[in-house]
C-alpha atoms as a PDB file:
ATOM      1  CA  MET A   1     -84.151 -29.576 325.939  1.00  0.00           C
ATOM      2  CA  LEU A   2     -82.066 -29.472 322.803  1.00  0.00           C
ATOM      3  CA  GLN A   3     -80.192 -32.044 320.731  1.00  0.00           C
ATOM      4  CA  GLU A   4     -77.269 -31.088 318.557  1.00  0.00           C
ATOM      5  CA  LYS A   5     -73.923 -32.053 317.283  1.00  0.00           C
ATOM      6  CA  THR A   6     -71.034 -29.743 318.043  1.00  0.00           C
ATOM      7  CA  PHE A   7     -67.235 -29.560 318.216  1.00  0.00           C
ATOM      8  CA  ILE A   8     -64.925 -29.996 321.158  1.00  0.00           C
ATOM      9  CA  THR A   9     -62.998 -26.780 321.912  1.00  0.00           C
ATOM     10  CA  PHE A  10     -60.682 -28.257 324.519  1.00  0.00           C
ATOM     11  CA  ASN A  11     -60.096 -31.469 326.449  1.00  0.00           C
ATOM     12  CA  ARG A  12     -57.287 -31.343 328.997  1.00  0.00           C
ATOM     13  CA  MET A  13     -56.162 -33.378 331.935  1.00  0.00           C
ATOM     14  CA  ILE A  14     -56.082 -31.403 335.195  1.00  0.00           C
ATOM     15  CA  ALA A  15     -55.182 -34.259 337.600  1.00  0.00           C
ATOM     16  CA  GLN A  16     -54.593 -37.972 337.402  1.00  0.00           C
ATOM     17  CA  ASN A  17     -57.371 -39.392 335.210  1.00  0.00           C
ATOM     18  CA  ILE A  18     -59.462 -36.220 335.638  1.00  0.00           C
ATOM     19  CA  TYR A  19     -60.304 -33.981 332.668  1.00  0.00           C
ATOM     20  CA  LEU A  20     -62.018 -30.738 331.715  1.00  0.00           C
ATOM     21  CA  MET A  21     -63.805 -30.697 328.383  1.00  0.00           C
ATOM     22  CA  GLY A  22     -65.471 -27.762 326.637  1.00  0.00           C
ATOM     23  CA  PHE A  23     -67.710 -27.625 323.581  1.00  0.00           C
ATOM     24  CA  ARG A  24     -69.561 -24.732 322.003  1.00  0.00           C
ATOM     25  CA  SER A  25     -73.352 -24.530 322.179  1.00  0.00           C
ATOM     26  CA  LYS A  26     -74.703 -21.062 322.801  1.00  0.00           C
ATOM     27  CA  LYS A  27     -78.318 -22.197 323.033  1.00  0.00           C
ATOM     28  CA  MET A  28     -77.585 -24.903 325.628  1.00  0.00           C
ATOM     29  CA  ALA A  29     -75.294 -22.529 327.542  1.00  0.00           C
ATOM     30  CA  LEU A  30     -78.124 -19.990 327.853  1.00  0.00           C
ATOM     31  CA  LEU A  31     -80.576 -22.647 329.036  1.00  0.00           C
ATOM     32  CA  SER A  32     -78.335 -24.542 331.484  1.00  0.00           C
ATOM     33  CA  LYS A  33     -78.766 -24.165 335.213  1.00  0.00           C
ATOM     34  CA  PRO A  34     -76.489 -25.471 337.986  1.00  0.00           C
ATOM     35  CA  GLY A  35     -77.430 -29.067 338.817  1.00  0.00           C
ATOM     36  CA  GLN A  36     -78.644 -29.964 335.357  1.00  0.00           C
ATOM     37  CA  PHE A  37     -76.862 -32.523 333.154  1.00  0.00           C
ATOM     38  CA  LEU A  38     -76.130 -33.450 329.563  1.00  0.00           C
ATOM     39  CA  MET A  39     -76.233 -36.757 327.750  1.00  0.00           C
ATOM     40  CA  ILE A  40     -73.082 -36.976 325.601  1.00  0.00           C
ATOM     41  CA  HIS A  41     -72.021 -39.377 322.916  1.00  0.00           C
ATOM     42  CA  LEU A  42     -68.952 -39.292 320.761  1.00  0.00           C
ATOM     43  CA  VAL A  43     -69.838 -39.200 317.070  1.00  0.00           C
ATOM     44  CA  GLY A  44     -68.285 -42.151 315.237  1.00  0.00           C
ATOM     45  CA  THR A  45     -68.649 -44.514 318.212  1.00  0.00           C
ATOM     46  CA  GLN A  46     -72.377 -45.298 317.792  1.00  0.00           C
ATOM     47  CA  MET A  47     -71.929 -49.067 318.537  1.00  0.00           C
ATOM     48  CA  ASP A  48     -69.116 -49.115 321.084  1.00  0.00           C
ATOM     49  CA  PRO A  49     -70.027 -47.793 323.551  1.00  0.00           C
ATOM     50  CA  LEU A  50     -73.638 -47.880 322.398  1.00  0.00           C
ATOM     51  CA  LEU A  51     -75.202 -45.514 324.931  1.00  0.00           C
ATOM     52  CA  ALA A  52     -74.660 -41.846 325.724  1.00  0.00           C
ATOM     53  CA  ARG A  53     -73.321 -40.923 329.129  1.00  0.00           C
ATOM     54  CA  PRO A  54     -74.643 -38.311 331.617  1.00  0.00           C
ATOM     55  CA  PHE A  55     -72.385 -35.465 332.783  1.00  0.00           C
ATOM     56  CA  SER A  56     -73.181 -32.549 335.089  1.00  0.00           C
ATOM     57  CA  VAL A  57     -72.789 -29.074 333.635  1.00  0.00           C
ATOM     58  CA  HIS A  58     -69.609 -27.935 335.343  1.00  0.00           C
ATOM     59  CA  SER A  59     -69.502 -24.314 334.155  1.00  0.00           C
ATOM     60  CA  ILE A  60     -70.193 -21.947 331.314  1.00  0.00           C
ATOM     61  CA  LYS A  61     -67.242 -20.244 329.617  1.00  0.00           C
ATOM     62  CA  ASP A  62     -67.481 -17.103 327.491  1.00  0.00           C
ATOM     63  CA  ASN A  63     -71.305 -17.413 327.463  1.00  0.00           C
ATOM     64  CA  ASP A  64     -71.300 -20.131 324.800  1.00  0.00           C
ATOM     65  CA  ILE A  65     -69.048 -22.934 325.867  1.00  0.00           C
ATOM     66  CA  LEU A  66     -70.370 -25.732 328.099  1.00  0.00           C
ATOM     67  CA  VAL A  67     -67.734 -27.353 330.322  1.00  0.00           C
ATOM     68  CA  ILE A  68     -67.857 -30.779 331.892  1.00  0.00           C
ATOM     69  CA  LEU A  69     -65.567 -32.294 334.534  1.00  0.00           C
ATOM     70  CA  TYR A  70     -65.077 -36.016 334.289  1.00  0.00           C
ATOM     71  CA  LYS A  71     -62.898 -38.915 335.459  1.00  0.00           C
ATOM     72  CA  THR A  72     -61.873 -41.897 333.390  1.00  0.00           C
ATOM     73  CA  VAL A  73     -63.575 -44.905 335.053  1.00  0.00           C
ATOM     74  CA  GLY A  74     -64.727 -47.077 332.129  1.00  0.00           C
ATOM     75  CA  LYS A  75     -64.668 -47.515 328.362  1.00  0.00           C
ATOM     76  CA  GLY A  76     -66.920 -44.477 327.604  1.00  0.00           C
ATOM     77  CA  THR A  77     -64.934 -41.977 329.591  1.00  0.00           C
ATOM     78  CA  SER A  78     -61.618 -43.487 328.453  1.00  0.00           C
ATOM     79  CA  LEU A  79     -62.613 -42.855 324.822  1.00  0.00           C
ATOM     80  CA  LEU A  80     -63.798 -39.361 325.770  1.00  0.00           C
ATOM     81  CA  SER A  81     -60.331 -38.624 327.245  1.00  0.00           C
ATOM     82  CA  LEU A  82     -58.716 -39.466 323.880  1.00  0.00           C
ATOM     83  CA  SER A  83     -60.883 -36.991 321.976  1.00  0.00           C
ATOM     84  CA  LYS A  84     -59.315 -33.743 320.859  1.00  0.00           C
ATOM     85  CA  GLU A  85     -60.102 -30.174 319.721  1.00  0.00           C
ATOM     86  CA  GLY A  86     -62.330 -30.300 316.649  1.00  0.00           C
ATOM     87  CA  ASP A  87     -63.772 -33.727 317.253  1.00  0.00           C
ATOM     88  CA  THR A  88     -67.558 -33.986 316.939  1.00  0.00           C
ATOM     89  CA  ILE A  89     -69.819 -34.971 319.845  1.00  0.00           C
ATOM     90  CA  SER A  90     -73.597 -35.343 320.123  1.00  0.00           C
ATOM     91  CA  ILE A  91     -75.318 -33.684 323.054  1.00  0.00           C
ATOM     92  CA  ILE A  92     -78.825 -33.773 324.488  1.00  0.00           C
ATOM     93  CA  GLY A  93     -79.651 -31.204 327.189  1.00  0.00           C
ATOM     94  CA  PRO A  94     -79.860 -29.505 329.454  1.00  0.00           C
ATOM     95  CA  LEU A  95     -81.792 -32.220 331.359  1.00  0.00           C
ATOM     96  CA  GLY A  96     -83.206 -32.589 334.822  1.00  0.00           C
ATOM     97  CA  ASN A  97     -83.872 -29.885 337.364  1.00  0.00           C
ATOM     98  CA  GLY A  98     -81.429 -27.419 338.899  1.00  0.00           C
ATOM     99  CA  PHE A  99     -80.538 -26.343 342.402  1.00  0.00           C
ATOM    100  CA  PRO A 100     -83.112 -23.953 343.970  1.00  0.00           C
ATOM    101  CA  LEU A 101     -81.446 -20.772 345.065  1.00  0.00           C
ATOM    102  CA  PRO A 102     -81.226 -19.723 348.748  1.00  0.00           C
ATOM    103  CA  GLY A 103     -83.655 -17.307 350.260  1.00  0.00           C
ATOM    104  CA  LYS A 104     -82.646 -13.794 351.205  1.00  0.00           C
ATOM    105  CA  ASN A 105     -81.434 -14.685 354.705  1.00  0.00           C
ATOM    106  CA  GLN A 106     -80.256 -18.232 354.005  1.00  0.00           C
ATOM    107  CA  ILE A 107     -76.548 -19.017 354.174  1.00  0.00           C
ATOM    108  CA  PRO A 108     -75.462 -21.550 351.506  1.00  0.00           C
ATOM    109  CA  LEU A 109     -73.015 -24.304 352.413  1.00  0.00           C
ATOM    110  CA  LEU A 110     -71.651 -26.408 349.611  1.00  0.00           C
ATOM    111  CA  VAL A 111     -70.411 -29.959 350.314  1.00  0.00           C
ATOM    112  CA  ALA A 112     -68.581 -31.971 347.582  1.00  0.00           C
ATOM    113  CA  GLY A 113     -67.030 -35.390 347.717  1.00  0.00           C
ATOM    114  CA  GLY A 114     -64.512 -36.123 344.916  1.00  0.00           C
ATOM    115  CA  MET A 115     -66.042 -35.541 341.494  1.00  0.00           C
ATOM    116  CA  GLY A 116     -69.120 -34.161 343.179  1.00  0.00           C
ATOM    117  CA  ILE A 117     -67.406 -30.818 342.848  1.00  0.00           C
ATOM    118  CA  ALA A 118     -68.574 -30.625 339.197  1.00  0.00           C
ATOM    119  CA  PRO A 119     -72.087 -29.166 339.549  1.00  0.00           C
ATOM    120  CA  LEU A 120     -71.247 -27.238 342.741  1.00  0.00           C
ATOM    121  CA  PHE A 121     -68.598 -25.215 340.914  1.00  0.00           C
ATOM    122  CA  PHE A 122     -71.278 -23.971 338.537  1.00  0.00           C
ATOM    123  CA  LEU A 123     -73.591 -23.216 341.470  1.00  0.00           C
ATOM    124  CA  SER A 124     -70.893 -21.254 343.285  1.00  0.00           C
ATOM    125  CA  GLN A 125     -70.310 -19.131 340.157  1.00  0.00           C
ATOM    126  CA  LEU A 126     -73.949 -18.228 339.939  1.00  0.00           C
ATOM    127  CA  LEU A 127     -74.405 -17.517 343.659  1.00  0.00           C
ATOM    128  CA  ILE A 128     -71.447 -15.161 343.694  1.00  0.00           C
ATOM    129  CA  ASN A 129     -72.482 -13.415 340.496  1.00  0.00           C
ATOM    130  CA  ILE A 130     -76.150 -12.795 341.336  1.00  0.00           C
ATOM    131  CA  LYS A 131     -76.128 -12.038 345.050  1.00  0.00           C
ATOM    132  CA  LYS A 132     -72.519 -11.752 346.086  1.00  0.00           C
ATOM    133  CA  TYR A 133     -72.922 -14.479 348.724  1.00  0.00           C
ATOM    134  CA  GLU A 134     -70.004 -15.287 351.048  1.00  0.00           C
ATOM    135  CA  LEU A 135     -69.691 -18.961 350.219  1.00  0.00           C
ATOM    136  CA  LYS A 136     -68.377 -21.731 352.369  1.00  0.00           C
ATOM    137  CA  MET A 137     -67.419 -25.000 350.707  1.00  0.00           C
ATOM    138  CA  PHE A 138     -66.359 -28.302 352.173  1.00  0.00           C
ATOM    139  CA  LEU A 139     -64.324 -30.562 349.880  1.00  0.00           C
ATOM    140  CA  GLY A 140     -63.430 -34.233 350.444  1.00  0.00           C
ATOM    141  CA  PHE A 141     -60.887 -36.262 348.507  1.00  0.00           C
ATOM    142  CA  SER A 142     -59.152 -39.583 348.985  1.00  0.00           C
ATOM    143  CA  THR A 143     -55.697 -38.027 348.718  1.00  0.00           C
ATOM    144  CA  SER A 144     -54.030 -34.699 347.831  1.00  0.00           C
ATOM    145  CA  GLN A 145     -53.277 -35.956 344.322  1.00  0.00           C
ATOM    146  CA  GLU A 146     -56.976 -35.915 343.603  1.00  0.00           C
ATOM    147  CA  ILE A 147     -57.613 -32.310 344.589  1.00  0.00           C
ATOM    148  CA  VAL A 148     -58.833 -30.292 341.639  1.00  0.00           C
ATOM    149  CA  LEU A 149     -59.899 -26.731 341.052  1.00  0.00           C
ATOM    150  CA  PHE A 150     -58.499 -25.372 344.268  1.00  0.00           C
ATOM    151  CA  ASN A 151     -57.109 -22.210 342.652  1.00  0.00           C
ATOM    152  CA  GLU A 152     -60.227 -21.679 340.616  1.00  0.00           C
ATOM    153  CA  LEU A 153     -62.484 -21.886 343.681  1.00  0.00           C
ATOM    154  CA  THR A 154     -60.321 -19.629 345.799  1.00  0.00           C
ATOM    155  CA  SER A 155     -60.186 -17.083 342.971  1.00  0.00           C
ATOM    156  CA  LEU A 156     -63.970 -16.953 343.096  1.00  0.00           C
ATOM    157  CA  GLY A 157     -63.637 -15.975 346.759  1.00  0.00           C
ATOM    158  CA  LEU A 158     -64.869 -19.186 348.381  1.00  0.00           C
ATOM    159  CA  ASP A 159     -63.879 -20.086 351.905  1.00  0.00           C
ATOM    160  CA  LEU A 160     -62.604 -23.707 351.506  1.00  0.00           C
ATOM    161  CA  SER A 161     -62.219 -26.498 354.042  1.00  0.00           C
ATOM    162  CA  ILE A 162     -60.659 -29.691 352.739  1.00  0.00           C
ATOM    163  CA  ALA A 163     -60.471 -33.188 354.121  1.00  0.00           C
ATOM    164  CA  THR A 164     -58.472 -36.116 352.693  1.00  0.00           C
ATOM    165  CA  ASN A 165     -58.874 -39.709 353.711  1.00  0.00           C
ATOM    166  CA  ASP A 166     -55.137 -40.220 354.107  1.00  0.00           C
ATOM    167  CA  GLY A 167     -54.390 -36.853 355.708  1.00  0.00           C
ATOM    168  CA  SER A 168     -52.081 -35.776 352.910  1.00  0.00           C
ATOM    169  CA  TYR A 169     -53.854 -32.346 352.740  1.00  0.00           C
ATOM    170  CA  GLY A 170     -56.168 -30.509 355.090  1.00  0.00           C
ATOM    171  CA  LYS A 171     -57.920 -32.453 357.822  1.00  0.00           C
ATOM    172  CA  LYS A 172     -57.506 -36.234 357.933  1.00  0.00           C
ATOM    173  CA  GLY A 173     -60.867 -37.893 357.575  1.00  0.00           C
ATOM    174  CA  LEU A 174     -64.120 -37.482 355.692  1.00  0.00           C
ATOM    175  CA  VAL A 175     -65.733 -34.317 354.403  1.00  0.00           C
ATOM    176  CA  THR A 176     -68.686 -35.088 356.660  1.00  0.00           C
ATOM    177  CA  ASP A 177     -66.356 -34.793 359.674  1.00  0.00           C
ATOM    178  CA  ILE A 178     -65.392 -31.223 358.916  1.00  0.00           C
ATOM    179  CA  LEU A 179     -69.002 -30.340 358.024  1.00  0.00           C
ATOM    180  CA  ASP A 180     -70.169 -31.718 361.448  1.00  0.00           C
ATOM    181  CA  GLN A 181     -67.468 -29.696 363.202  1.00  0.00           C
ATOM    182  CA  TYR A 182     -68.600 -26.549 361.483  1.00  0.00           C
ATOM    183  CA  LEU A 183     -72.299 -27.103 362.180  1.00  0.00           C
ATOM    184  CA  GLU A 184     -71.561 -27.752 365.872  1.00  0.00           C
ATOM    185  CA  LYS A 185     -69.416 -24.618 366.105  1.00  0.00           C
ATOM    186  CA  LYS A 186     -72.014 -22.497 364.215  1.00  0.00           C
ATOM    187  CA  SER A 187     -75.100 -23.987 365.822  1.00  0.00           C
ATOM    188  CA  SER A 188     -76.867 -20.605 365.921  1.00  0.00           C
ATOM    189  CA  ILE A 189     -77.006 -20.316 362.126  1.00  0.00           C
ATOM    190  CA  LYS A 190     -79.512 -22.126 359.855  1.00  0.00           C
ATOM    191  CA  PRO A 191     -77.663 -22.715 356.549  1.00  0.00           C
ATOM    192  CA  MET A 192     -79.042 -24.193 353.345  1.00  0.00           C
ATOM    193  CA  ILE A 193     -76.885 -27.162 352.387  1.00  0.00           C
ATOM    194  CA  TYR A 194     -76.051 -28.241 348.792  1.00  0.00           C
ATOM    195  CA  ALA A 195     -74.297 -31.607 348.444  1.00  0.00           C
ATOM    196  CA  CYS A 196     -72.955 -33.774 345.627  1.00  0.00           C
ATOM    197  CA  GLY A 197     -70.694 -36.859 345.873  1.00  0.00           C
ATOM    198  CA  PRO A 198     -70.783 -40.555 346.698  1.00  0.00           C
ATOM    199  CA  VAL A 199     -74.039 -41.909 347.988  1.00  0.00           C
ATOM    200  CA  ASP A 200     -72.591 -42.758 351.457  1.00  0.00           C
ATOM    201  CA  MET A 201     -71.556 -39.086 351.829  1.00  0.00           C
ATOM    202  CA  LEU A 202     -74.941 -37.800 350.658  1.00  0.00           C
ATOM    203  CA  LYS A 203     -76.691 -40.107 353.099  1.00  0.00           C
ATOM    204  CA  GLU A 204     -74.651 -38.815 356.020  1.00  0.00           C
ATOM    205  CA  VAL A 205     -75.070 -35.190 355.023  1.00  0.00           C
ATOM    206  CA  SER A 206     -78.838 -35.624 354.496  1.00  0.00           C
ATOM    207  CA  LEU A 207     -79.480 -37.399 357.805  1.00  0.00           C
ATOM    208  CA  ARG A 208     -77.464 -34.784 359.685  1.00  0.00           C
ATOM    209  CA  ALA A 209     -79.384 -31.953 357.957  1.00  0.00           C
ATOM    210  CA  ILE A 210     -82.742 -33.611 358.646  1.00  0.00           C
ATOM    211  CA  SER A 211     -81.882 -34.091 362.340  1.00  0.00           C
ATOM    212  CA  LEU A 212     -81.019 -30.383 362.629  1.00  0.00           C
ATOM    213  CA  ASN A 213     -84.094 -29.316 360.641  1.00  0.00           C
ATOM    214  CA  LEU A 214     -81.941 -27.799 357.909  1.00  0.00           C
ATOM    215  CA  THR A 215     -82.857 -27.493 354.228  1.00  0.00           C
ATOM    216  CA  CYS A 216     -80.598 -29.746 352.204  1.00  0.00           C
ATOM    217  CA  TYR A 217     -80.493 -30.397 348.473  1.00  0.00           C
ATOM    218  CA  VAL A 218     -78.517 -33.314 347.061  1.00  0.00           C
ATOM    219  CA  SER A 219     -77.449 -34.084 343.526  1.00  0.00           C
ATOM    220  CA  LEU A 220     -77.775 -37.783 342.848  1.00  0.00           C
ATOM    221  CA  GLU A 221     -75.838 -39.764 340.290  1.00  0.00           C
ATOM    222  CA  SER A 222     -77.192 -42.877 338.537  1.00  0.00           C
ATOM    223  CA  GLN A 223     -76.601 -45.112 335.553  1.00  0.00           C
ATOM    224  CA  MET A 224     -78.766 -43.612 332.794  1.00  0.00           C
ATOM    225  CA  ALA A 225     -79.467 -45.106 329.376  1.00  0.00           C
ATOM    226  CA  CYS A 226     -81.659 -42.346 327.985  1.00  0.00           C
ATOM    227  CA  GLY A 227     -81.736 -39.379 330.440  1.00  0.00           C
ATOM    228  CA  LEU A 228     -85.395 -38.796 329.619  1.00  0.00           C
ATOM    229  CA  GLY A 229     -87.249 -41.183 331.979  1.00  0.00           C
ATOM    230  CA  LEU A 230     -88.071 -43.664 329.232  1.00  0.00           C
ATOM    231  CA  CYS A 231     -85.909 -46.582 330.263  1.00  0.00           C
ATOM    232  CA  GLN A 232     -86.668 -46.276 333.961  1.00  0.00           C
ATOM    233  CA  GLY A 233     -83.230 -47.531 334.797  1.00  0.00           C
ATOM    234  CA  CYS A 234     -82.403 -44.845 337.348  1.00  0.00           C
ATOM    235  CA  ALA A 235     -85.192 -45.481 339.863  1.00  0.00           C
ATOM    236  CA  ILE A 236     -84.571 -44.679 343.559  1.00  0.00           C
ATOM    237  CA  LYS A 237     -86.957 -45.418 346.417  1.00  0.00           C
ATOM    238  CA  ALA A 238     -88.869 -42.450 347.698  1.00  0.00           C
ATOM    239  CA  ASN A 239     -89.385 -41.639 351.364  1.00  0.00           C
ATOM    240  CA  ASN A 240     -92.717 -43.115 352.553  1.00  0.00           C
ATOM    241  CA  THR A 241     -94.016 -39.702 353.366  1.00  0.00           C
ATOM    242  CA  THR A 242     -94.266 -38.863 349.657  1.00  0.00           C
ATOM    243  CA  ASN A 243     -96.981 -39.821 347.171  1.00  0.00           C
ATOM    244  CA  LYS A 244     -94.649 -41.687 344.854  1.00  0.00           C
ATOM    245  CA  PRO A 245     -93.016 -45.102 345.582  1.00  0.00           C
ATOM    246  CA  TYR A 246     -90.004 -44.255 343.334  1.00  0.00           C
ATOM    247  CA  TYR A 247     -88.346 -41.340 341.689  1.00  0.00           C
ATOM    248  CA  TYR A 248     -86.364 -41.357 338.471  1.00  0.00           C
ATOM    249  CA  VAL A 249     -83.078 -39.493 338.857  1.00  0.00           C
ATOM    250  CA  CYS A 250     -83.155 -38.174 335.295  1.00  0.00           C
ATOM    251  CA  GLN A 251     -86.788 -37.050 335.291  1.00  0.00           C
ATOM    252  CA  ASP A 252     -87.528 -36.133 338.931  1.00  0.00           C
ATOM    253  CA  GLY A 253     -83.966 -35.059 339.740  1.00  0.00           C
ATOM    254  CA  PRO A 254     -81.054 -35.150 339.765  1.00  0.00           C
ATOM    255  CA  ILE A 255     -81.617 -32.544 342.529  1.00  0.00           C
ATOM    256  CA  PHE A 256     -83.706 -33.722 345.463  1.00  0.00           C
ATOM    257  CA  LEU A 257     -84.600 -32.426 348.845  1.00  0.00           C
ATOM    258  CA  ALA A 258     -82.890 -34.700 351.366  1.00  0.00           C
ATOM    259  CA  GLU A 259     -86.126 -35.804 353.019  1.00  0.00           C
ATOM    260  CA  MET A 260     -87.559 -37.012 349.677  1.00  0.00           C
ATOM    261  CA  ILE A 261     -85.226 -40.016 349.530  1.00  0.00           C
ATOM    262  CA  ASP A 262     -85.464 -43.337 351.403  1.00  0.00           C
ATOM    263  CA  TRP A 263     -81.798 -43.341 352.442  1.00  0.00           C
ATOM    264  CA  GLY A 264     -82.079 -46.693 354.098  1.00  0.00           C
ATOM    265  CA  SER A 265     -82.637 -48.322 350.695  1.00  0.00           C
ATOM    266  CA  LEU A 266     -79.448 -46.897 349.202  1.00  0.00           C
END
């Protein structure tokens, strides 16, 4: 884990209220693994908002630029969207654990709901680079206007299936619907599932994977004040088969095996 101040290299809108931001930190870029996150604070706004915000590492550019994908949903991210090239930010990271890689004969399936695409983009880059996997990704969005990174994902060679709630692009319905259809059609394979998105989506994906005896890793999001396990504000209830009553998303995660979580409590 490192802490440093650095400069924003770009901050651009790629869809309505959705941005890509890059900042240079060669040391953090070398250490970062897909699934890990950063705590980010704009320098000069120490009192408002007071706390740093967690963001998944979305990708690494040119070996020394960390990229995050974010959506403006509150005061902190709204201020972040107004920042420009050359502005100073404070970063702590990389934090948390990363996604374990598939075994030699395991087929990875990536499932993203909305902004859950952020860490899975980084994972897909790594999987393609190190083992030349043929990757299948399922994407779910509310509407076609929220679809992001389609061209970037297809240029990586991913096979994409997309669902939108309103049917404006791809299949009408939820991303879990198209995942279920695929798993029923490909019942002979035993894929390894990676998922990130809203908790309801993660719950459905996890319970489906558990019922089929499939390995499934989920990336959980939570409100974090410190990112280091000190404030204990990101506690989630553990499955009663484990030795711990609670996990802390920042310290024990954010990546968890599906069966580690008590999904009924979420």
